[in-house]
N, C-alpha and C. Protein backbone atom coordinates (compact mmCIF):
# COMPACT_ATOMS: atom_id res chain seq x y z
N MET A 1 141.70 -160.31 108.16
CA MET A 1 140.25 -160.16 108.17
C MET A 1 139.62 -161.38 107.51
N SER A 2 138.52 -161.80 108.07
CA SER A 2 137.82 -162.98 107.56
C SER A 2 137.21 -162.71 106.19
N ASP A 3 137.04 -163.77 105.44
CA ASP A 3 136.30 -163.70 104.19
C ASP A 3 134.87 -164.08 104.50
N TYR A 4 133.97 -163.11 104.39
CA TYR A 4 132.57 -163.36 104.67
C TYR A 4 131.89 -163.89 103.42
N VAL A 5 130.97 -164.82 103.61
CA VAL A 5 130.21 -165.40 102.52
C VAL A 5 128.75 -165.07 102.76
N ILE A 6 128.04 -164.65 101.71
CA ILE A 6 126.61 -164.37 101.81
C ILE A 6 125.86 -165.40 100.98
N ARG A 7 124.90 -166.05 101.63
CA ARG A 7 124.01 -166.98 100.92
C ARG A 7 122.62 -166.38 100.93
N SER A 8 121.90 -166.60 99.87
CA SER A 8 120.51 -166.17 99.82
C SER A 8 119.64 -167.37 99.44
N GLY A 9 118.39 -167.31 99.89
CA GLY A 9 117.50 -168.40 99.57
C GLY A 9 116.19 -168.28 100.33
N SER A 10 115.43 -169.33 100.23
CA SER A 10 114.10 -169.38 100.85
C SER A 10 114.21 -169.58 102.36
N TRP A 11 113.09 -169.38 103.03
CA TRP A 11 112.98 -169.64 104.46
C TRP A 11 113.27 -171.11 104.74
N ALA A 12 112.76 -171.99 103.91
CA ALA A 12 113.00 -173.42 104.09
C ALA A 12 114.49 -173.74 104.10
N LEU A 13 115.25 -173.03 103.31
CA LEU A 13 116.69 -173.27 103.20
C LEU A 13 117.48 -172.61 104.34
N LEU A 14 117.08 -171.42 104.74
CA LEU A 14 117.91 -170.62 105.67
C LEU A 14 117.25 -170.35 107.03
N GLU A 15 116.15 -171.00 107.30
CA GLU A 15 115.40 -170.73 108.54
C GLU A 15 116.24 -170.90 109.80
N THR A 16 116.98 -171.99 109.91
CA THR A 16 117.74 -172.27 111.13
C THR A 16 118.71 -171.14 111.46
N GLU A 17 119.50 -170.72 110.46
CA GLU A 17 120.49 -169.67 110.69
C GLU A 17 119.83 -168.32 110.94
N ALA A 18 118.81 -167.99 110.16
CA ALA A 18 118.12 -166.71 110.32
C ALA A 18 117.48 -166.63 111.70
N LYS A 19 116.85 -167.71 112.14
CA LYS A 19 116.21 -167.71 113.46
C LYS A 19 117.24 -167.52 114.57
N MET A 20 118.40 -168.14 114.44
CA MET A 20 119.43 -168.02 115.46
C MET A 20 119.86 -166.56 115.60
N VAL A 21 120.17 -165.91 114.49
CA VAL A 21 120.64 -164.51 114.55
C VAL A 21 119.52 -163.60 115.04
N ARG A 22 118.33 -163.73 114.49
CA ARG A 22 117.22 -162.86 114.88
C ARG A 22 116.81 -163.07 116.34
N THR A 23 116.88 -164.30 116.83
CA THR A 23 116.57 -164.55 118.23
C THR A 23 117.56 -163.82 119.13
N GLU A 24 118.84 -163.92 118.81
CA GLU A 24 119.88 -163.24 119.60
C GLU A 24 119.68 -161.73 119.61
N VAL A 25 119.47 -161.15 118.42
CA VAL A 25 119.43 -159.69 118.30
C VAL A 25 118.08 -159.12 118.73
N PHE A 26 117.01 -159.61 118.16
CA PHE A 26 115.71 -158.99 118.41
C PHE A 26 115.03 -159.48 119.69
N ILE A 27 115.01 -160.78 119.90
CA ILE A 27 114.27 -161.31 121.04
C ILE A 27 115.08 -161.17 122.33
N LYS A 28 116.34 -161.57 122.32
CA LYS A 28 117.14 -161.52 123.55
C LYS A 28 117.67 -160.11 123.85
N GLU A 29 118.30 -159.45 122.87
CA GLU A 29 118.89 -158.13 123.11
C GLU A 29 117.85 -157.03 123.22
N GLN A 30 116.91 -157.01 122.26
CA GLN A 30 115.97 -155.89 122.19
C GLN A 30 114.62 -156.19 122.85
N ASN A 31 114.49 -157.38 123.40
CA ASN A 31 113.28 -157.78 124.13
C ASN A 31 112.00 -157.71 123.30
N ILE A 32 112.10 -158.01 122.03
CA ILE A 32 110.92 -158.08 121.17
C ILE A 32 110.26 -159.44 121.40
N ALA A 33 108.96 -159.44 121.55
CA ALA A 33 108.23 -160.69 121.78
C ALA A 33 108.34 -161.61 120.57
N ALA A 34 108.52 -162.89 120.83
CA ALA A 34 108.63 -163.87 119.74
C ALA A 34 107.42 -163.79 118.82
N ALA A 35 106.25 -163.54 119.38
CA ALA A 35 105.02 -163.44 118.57
C ALA A 35 105.10 -162.28 117.58
N ASP A 36 105.86 -161.24 117.91
CA ASP A 36 106.03 -160.10 117.01
C ASP A 36 107.15 -160.33 116.00
N GLU A 37 108.08 -161.20 116.32
CA GLU A 37 109.24 -161.41 115.45
C GLU A 37 108.92 -162.32 114.27
N TRP A 38 108.19 -163.38 114.51
CA TRP A 38 107.94 -164.37 113.45
C TRP A 38 106.60 -164.09 112.79
N ASP A 39 106.60 -164.02 111.46
CA ASP A 39 105.37 -163.74 110.73
C ASP A 39 105.33 -164.52 109.42
N LEU A 40 104.23 -164.42 108.74
CA LEU A 40 104.05 -165.16 107.49
C LEU A 40 104.92 -164.62 106.35
N GLU A 41 105.45 -163.41 106.49
CA GLU A 41 106.32 -162.85 105.46
C GLU A 41 107.59 -163.67 105.28
N ASP A 42 108.03 -164.35 106.33
CA ASP A 42 109.23 -165.17 106.21
C ASP A 42 109.09 -166.21 105.11
N GLN A 43 107.91 -166.80 105.00
CA GLN A 43 107.68 -167.84 103.99
C GLN A 43 107.79 -167.30 102.56
N LYS A 44 107.50 -166.01 102.37
CA LYS A 44 107.44 -165.41 101.04
C LYS A 44 108.68 -164.59 100.68
N SER A 45 109.57 -164.41 101.64
CA SER A 45 110.71 -163.52 101.45
C SER A 45 111.94 -164.25 100.94
N LEU A 46 112.84 -163.47 100.35
CA LEU A 46 114.18 -163.95 100.01
C LEU A 46 115.06 -163.61 101.21
N HIS A 47 115.70 -164.61 101.78
CA HIS A 47 116.51 -164.42 102.98
C HIS A 47 118.00 -164.39 102.63
N PHE A 48 118.75 -163.66 103.45
CA PHE A 48 120.19 -163.52 103.28
C PHE A 48 120.86 -163.84 104.61
N ILE A 49 121.94 -164.61 104.55
CA ILE A 49 122.73 -164.91 105.74
C ILE A 49 124.19 -164.60 105.40
N VAL A 50 124.86 -163.88 106.32
CA VAL A 50 126.31 -163.67 106.20
C VAL A 50 126.97 -164.70 107.12
N TYR A 51 127.98 -165.38 106.58
CA TYR A 51 128.71 -166.39 107.33
C TYR A 51 130.16 -165.96 107.51
N ASP A 52 130.69 -166.27 108.67
CA ASP A 52 132.11 -166.15 108.96
C ASP A 52 132.57 -167.56 109.30
N GLN A 53 133.32 -168.17 108.41
CA GLN A 53 133.80 -169.55 108.59
C GLN A 53 132.65 -170.49 108.95
N ASN A 54 131.62 -170.48 108.13
CA ASN A 54 130.44 -171.35 108.27
C ASN A 54 129.56 -171.04 109.48
N GLN A 55 129.82 -169.95 110.19
CA GLN A 55 128.99 -169.52 111.31
C GLN A 55 128.12 -168.36 110.85
N ALA A 56 126.80 -168.49 111.01
CA ALA A 56 125.88 -167.40 110.65
C ALA A 56 126.11 -166.24 111.62
N ILE A 57 126.34 -165.02 111.06
CA ILE A 57 126.62 -163.87 111.91
C ILE A 57 125.70 -162.67 111.63
N ALA A 58 124.96 -162.72 110.52
CA ALA A 58 124.06 -161.62 110.17
C ALA A 58 122.97 -162.15 109.24
N THR A 59 121.86 -161.44 109.23
CA THR A 59 120.74 -161.86 108.38
C THR A 59 119.90 -160.65 107.98
N ALA A 60 119.10 -160.84 106.96
CA ALA A 60 118.09 -159.87 106.53
C ALA A 60 117.16 -160.60 105.58
N ARG A 61 116.04 -159.95 105.26
CA ARG A 61 115.12 -160.54 104.29
C ARG A 61 114.65 -159.44 103.33
N LEU A 62 114.28 -159.86 102.13
CA LEU A 62 113.75 -158.96 101.11
C LEU A 62 112.36 -159.46 100.75
N LEU A 63 111.36 -158.62 101.02
CA LEU A 63 109.97 -158.99 100.81
C LEU A 63 109.53 -158.70 99.38
N GLU A 64 108.41 -159.29 99.00
CA GLU A 64 107.87 -159.07 97.66
C GLU A 64 107.53 -157.60 97.41
N ASN A 65 107.21 -156.84 98.45
CA ASN A 65 106.83 -155.43 98.29
C ASN A 65 108.03 -154.48 98.29
N HIS A 66 109.23 -155.03 98.05
CA HIS A 66 110.49 -154.27 97.95
C HIS A 66 111.03 -153.82 99.30
N SER A 67 110.50 -154.36 100.38
CA SER A 67 110.92 -153.97 101.72
C SER A 67 112.03 -154.88 102.24
N ILE A 68 113.08 -154.25 102.75
CA ILE A 68 114.15 -154.98 103.42
C ILE A 68 113.80 -155.01 104.90
N GLY A 69 113.87 -156.17 105.49
CA GLY A 69 113.49 -156.26 106.89
C GLY A 69 114.37 -157.20 107.68
N ARG A 70 114.21 -157.11 108.99
CA ARG A 70 114.87 -158.01 109.93
C ARG A 70 116.39 -158.03 109.73
N VAL A 71 116.95 -156.84 109.48
CA VAL A 71 118.41 -156.72 109.33
C VAL A 71 119.03 -156.84 110.71
N ALA A 72 119.88 -157.84 110.90
CA ALA A 72 120.47 -158.09 112.21
C ALA A 72 121.89 -158.62 112.08
N VAL A 73 122.78 -158.08 112.90
CA VAL A 73 124.17 -158.53 112.98
C VAL A 73 124.43 -158.91 114.44
N LEU A 74 125.01 -160.08 114.66
CA LEU A 74 125.33 -160.48 116.03
C LEU A 74 126.22 -159.45 116.69
N ASN A 75 126.01 -159.21 117.97
CA ASN A 75 126.69 -158.15 118.72
C ASN A 75 128.21 -158.17 118.54
N GLN A 76 128.82 -159.32 118.65
CA GLN A 76 130.28 -159.38 118.60
C GLN A 76 130.85 -159.09 117.22
N TYR A 77 129.99 -159.00 116.19
CA TYR A 77 130.44 -158.71 114.83
C TYR A 77 130.09 -157.29 114.39
N ARG A 78 129.45 -156.51 115.24
CA ARG A 78 129.09 -155.14 114.87
C ARG A 78 130.32 -154.26 114.81
N GLY A 79 130.24 -153.22 113.97
CA GLY A 79 131.35 -152.29 113.85
C GLY A 79 132.45 -152.78 112.94
N LYS A 80 132.20 -153.85 112.20
CA LYS A 80 133.21 -154.43 111.31
C LYS A 80 132.81 -154.33 109.84
N GLY A 81 131.75 -153.57 109.57
CA GLY A 81 131.32 -153.39 108.18
C GLY A 81 130.44 -154.48 107.62
N ILE A 82 130.03 -155.42 108.46
CA ILE A 82 129.23 -156.55 107.97
C ILE A 82 127.84 -156.10 107.55
N GLY A 83 127.22 -155.21 108.31
CA GLY A 83 125.91 -154.69 107.93
C GLY A 83 125.97 -153.99 106.58
N ARG A 84 127.04 -153.25 106.33
CA ARG A 84 127.22 -152.55 105.04
C ARG A 84 127.39 -153.55 103.90
N ILE A 85 128.18 -154.59 104.13
CA ILE A 85 128.38 -155.64 103.11
C ILE A 85 127.04 -156.30 102.79
N LEU A 86 126.28 -156.63 103.83
CA LEU A 86 124.98 -157.28 103.64
C LEU A 86 124.02 -156.36 102.89
N MET A 87 123.92 -155.11 103.32
CA MET A 87 122.99 -154.18 102.67
C MET A 87 123.37 -153.93 101.21
N ARG A 88 124.64 -153.75 100.94
CA ARG A 88 125.06 -153.54 99.54
C ARG A 88 124.72 -154.75 98.68
N HIS A 89 124.87 -155.94 99.24
CA HIS A 89 124.52 -157.15 98.51
C HIS A 89 123.02 -157.16 98.19
N ILE A 90 122.19 -156.83 99.18
CA ILE A 90 120.74 -156.80 98.97
C ILE A 90 120.38 -155.73 97.94
N MET A 91 121.04 -154.58 98.02
CA MET A 91 120.78 -153.51 97.05
C MET A 91 121.15 -153.97 95.64
N ASP A 92 122.25 -154.72 95.51
CA ASP A 92 122.64 -155.27 94.20
C ASP A 92 121.59 -156.25 93.69
N VAL A 93 121.06 -157.09 94.57
CA VAL A 93 120.01 -158.03 94.20
C VAL A 93 118.77 -157.26 93.74
N GLY A 94 118.42 -156.20 94.45
CA GLY A 94 117.28 -155.38 94.06
C GLY A 94 117.46 -154.79 92.67
N GLN A 95 118.68 -154.36 92.37
CA GLN A 95 118.96 -153.83 91.03
C GLN A 95 118.88 -154.92 89.97
N GLN A 96 119.44 -156.09 90.26
CA GLN A 96 119.38 -157.22 89.33
C GLN A 96 117.95 -157.64 89.05
N GLN A 97 117.10 -157.55 90.07
CA GLN A 97 115.70 -157.93 89.93
C GLN A 97 114.85 -156.78 89.36
N LYS A 98 115.51 -155.69 89.04
CA LYS A 98 114.86 -154.51 88.46
C LYS A 98 113.74 -153.96 89.35
N ARG A 99 113.98 -153.98 90.63
CA ARG A 99 113.02 -153.37 91.57
C ARG A 99 113.18 -151.85 91.47
N PRO A 100 112.09 -151.10 91.34
CA PRO A 100 112.19 -149.66 91.16
C PRO A 100 112.71 -148.92 92.39
N TYR A 101 112.53 -149.52 93.55
CA TYR A 101 112.96 -148.91 94.80
C TYR A 101 113.09 -150.01 95.85
N LEU A 102 113.76 -149.68 96.94
CA LEU A 102 113.80 -150.52 98.13
C LEU A 102 113.38 -149.65 99.29
N LYS A 103 112.75 -150.26 100.27
CA LYS A 103 112.32 -149.50 101.44
C LYS A 103 112.63 -150.32 102.68
N LEU A 104 112.64 -149.64 103.81
CA LEU A 104 112.84 -150.33 105.07
C LEU A 104 112.29 -149.50 106.21
N SER A 105 112.05 -150.16 107.31
CA SER A 105 111.62 -149.51 108.54
C SER A 105 112.83 -149.53 109.46
N ALA A 106 113.49 -148.38 109.60
CA ALA A 106 114.76 -148.31 110.32
C ALA A 106 114.54 -147.93 111.77
N GLN A 107 115.23 -148.63 112.66
CA GLN A 107 115.28 -148.15 114.03
C GLN A 107 116.00 -146.81 114.01
N VAL A 108 115.51 -145.85 114.77
CA VAL A 108 116.01 -144.48 114.72
C VAL A 108 117.52 -144.41 114.93
N HIS A 109 118.06 -145.25 115.81
CA HIS A 109 119.50 -145.20 116.05
C HIS A 109 120.32 -145.59 114.82
N ALA A 110 119.69 -146.25 113.83
CA ALA A 110 120.40 -146.71 112.63
C ALA A 110 120.19 -145.81 111.42
N ILE A 111 119.51 -144.68 111.58
CA ILE A 111 119.24 -143.79 110.45
C ILE A 111 120.53 -143.41 109.72
N GLY A 112 121.55 -143.00 110.44
CA GLY A 112 122.81 -142.58 109.82
C GLY A 112 123.44 -143.69 108.99
N PHE A 113 123.37 -144.91 109.48
CA PHE A 113 123.91 -146.05 108.75
C PHE A 113 123.20 -146.19 107.40
N TYR A 114 121.88 -146.16 107.40
CA TYR A 114 121.13 -146.31 106.16
C TYR A 114 121.29 -145.09 105.25
N GLN A 115 121.39 -143.90 105.82
CA GLN A 115 121.65 -142.71 105.00
C GLN A 115 122.99 -142.83 104.28
N SER A 116 123.97 -143.44 104.93
CA SER A 116 125.28 -143.63 104.29
C SER A 116 125.21 -144.57 103.09
N LEU A 117 124.11 -145.31 102.99
CA LEU A 117 123.87 -146.21 101.84
C LEU A 117 122.88 -145.59 100.86
N ALA A 118 122.61 -144.30 101.02
CA ALA A 118 121.74 -143.51 100.12
C ALA A 118 120.25 -143.73 100.35
N PHE A 119 119.86 -144.29 101.49
CA PHE A 119 118.44 -144.34 101.84
C PHE A 119 118.05 -142.99 102.41
N GLU A 120 116.80 -142.58 102.16
CA GLU A 120 116.31 -141.30 102.64
C GLU A 120 115.09 -141.50 103.52
N VAL A 121 115.04 -140.73 104.61
CA VAL A 121 113.90 -140.78 105.53
C VAL A 121 112.67 -140.22 104.84
N LYS A 122 111.56 -140.93 104.97
CA LYS A 122 110.27 -140.47 104.44
C LYS A 122 109.23 -140.63 105.53
N GLY A 123 108.66 -139.54 105.97
CA GLY A 123 107.60 -139.61 106.96
C GLY A 123 108.10 -139.38 108.37
N GLU A 124 107.17 -139.56 109.30
CA GLU A 124 107.40 -139.27 110.71
C GLU A 124 107.85 -140.52 111.47
N GLU A 125 108.45 -140.28 112.60
CA GLU A 125 108.86 -141.35 113.50
C GLU A 125 107.63 -142.04 114.09
N TYR A 126 107.71 -143.34 114.30
CA TYR A 126 106.62 -144.12 114.89
C TYR A 126 107.22 -145.25 115.72
N LEU A 127 106.40 -145.85 116.57
CA LEU A 127 106.85 -146.96 117.39
C LEU A 127 106.47 -148.29 116.74
N ASP A 128 107.41 -149.21 116.72
CA ASP A 128 107.17 -150.57 116.28
C ASP A 128 107.76 -151.47 117.37
N CYS A 129 106.93 -152.26 118.01
CA CYS A 129 107.34 -153.09 119.14
C CYS A 129 107.99 -152.24 120.24
N GLY A 130 107.50 -151.01 120.40
CA GLY A 130 108.01 -150.13 121.44
C GLY A 130 109.32 -149.44 121.11
N ILE A 131 109.83 -149.63 119.90
CA ILE A 131 111.11 -149.06 119.47
C ILE A 131 110.85 -148.00 118.41
N PRO A 132 111.42 -146.78 118.55
CA PRO A 132 111.22 -145.74 117.53
C PRO A 132 111.81 -146.15 116.17
N HIS A 133 111.00 -145.97 115.13
CA HIS A 133 111.38 -146.30 113.75
C HIS A 133 111.02 -145.15 112.82
N VAL A 134 111.62 -145.14 111.63
CA VAL A 134 111.21 -144.27 110.53
C VAL A 134 111.26 -145.11 109.25
N ASP A 135 110.43 -144.73 108.28
CA ASP A 135 110.48 -145.37 106.97
C ASP A 135 111.57 -144.70 106.15
N MET A 136 112.33 -145.53 105.41
CA MET A 136 113.38 -145.02 104.55
C MET A 136 113.29 -145.68 103.19
N PHE A 137 113.66 -144.92 102.13
CA PHE A 137 113.57 -145.42 100.76
C PHE A 137 114.88 -145.21 100.02
N PHE A 138 115.13 -146.11 99.08
CA PHE A 138 116.26 -146.02 98.16
C PHE A 138 115.70 -146.22 96.76
N MET A 139 115.92 -145.26 95.88
CA MET A 139 115.42 -145.37 94.51
C MET A 139 116.50 -146.00 93.64
N ASN A 140 116.16 -147.10 92.96
CA ASN A 140 117.11 -147.75 92.05
C ASN A 140 117.22 -147.02 90.75
């Protein structure tokens, strides 16, 4: 099994890799419009990239409002625990930063994955870019 490396940093530092993964997953696979994918939050967020032998394979961002967003794993790397490794890393960062909670907007198909990490559904299902989502929270 490969040794995965996670780097975190600003958009200026990780933009190229984050854009590559997010373009593949959200824009190409899920048909989300580029105008909906890129926003000003990227400039203010802490970004995370998972690498397999220097190749970016997953990404996510942590916003100032404690929200984890844009969690994406390249298709050929899914089912290998990479999303779990990435999320646990972000949760550890949240704890180190003494954030009282973390939240995310989960695609409905991923609810079980986030519940396995102790996130809880809060509120009703809604559409975001035409995809069903729910809000989920994790209390630190």
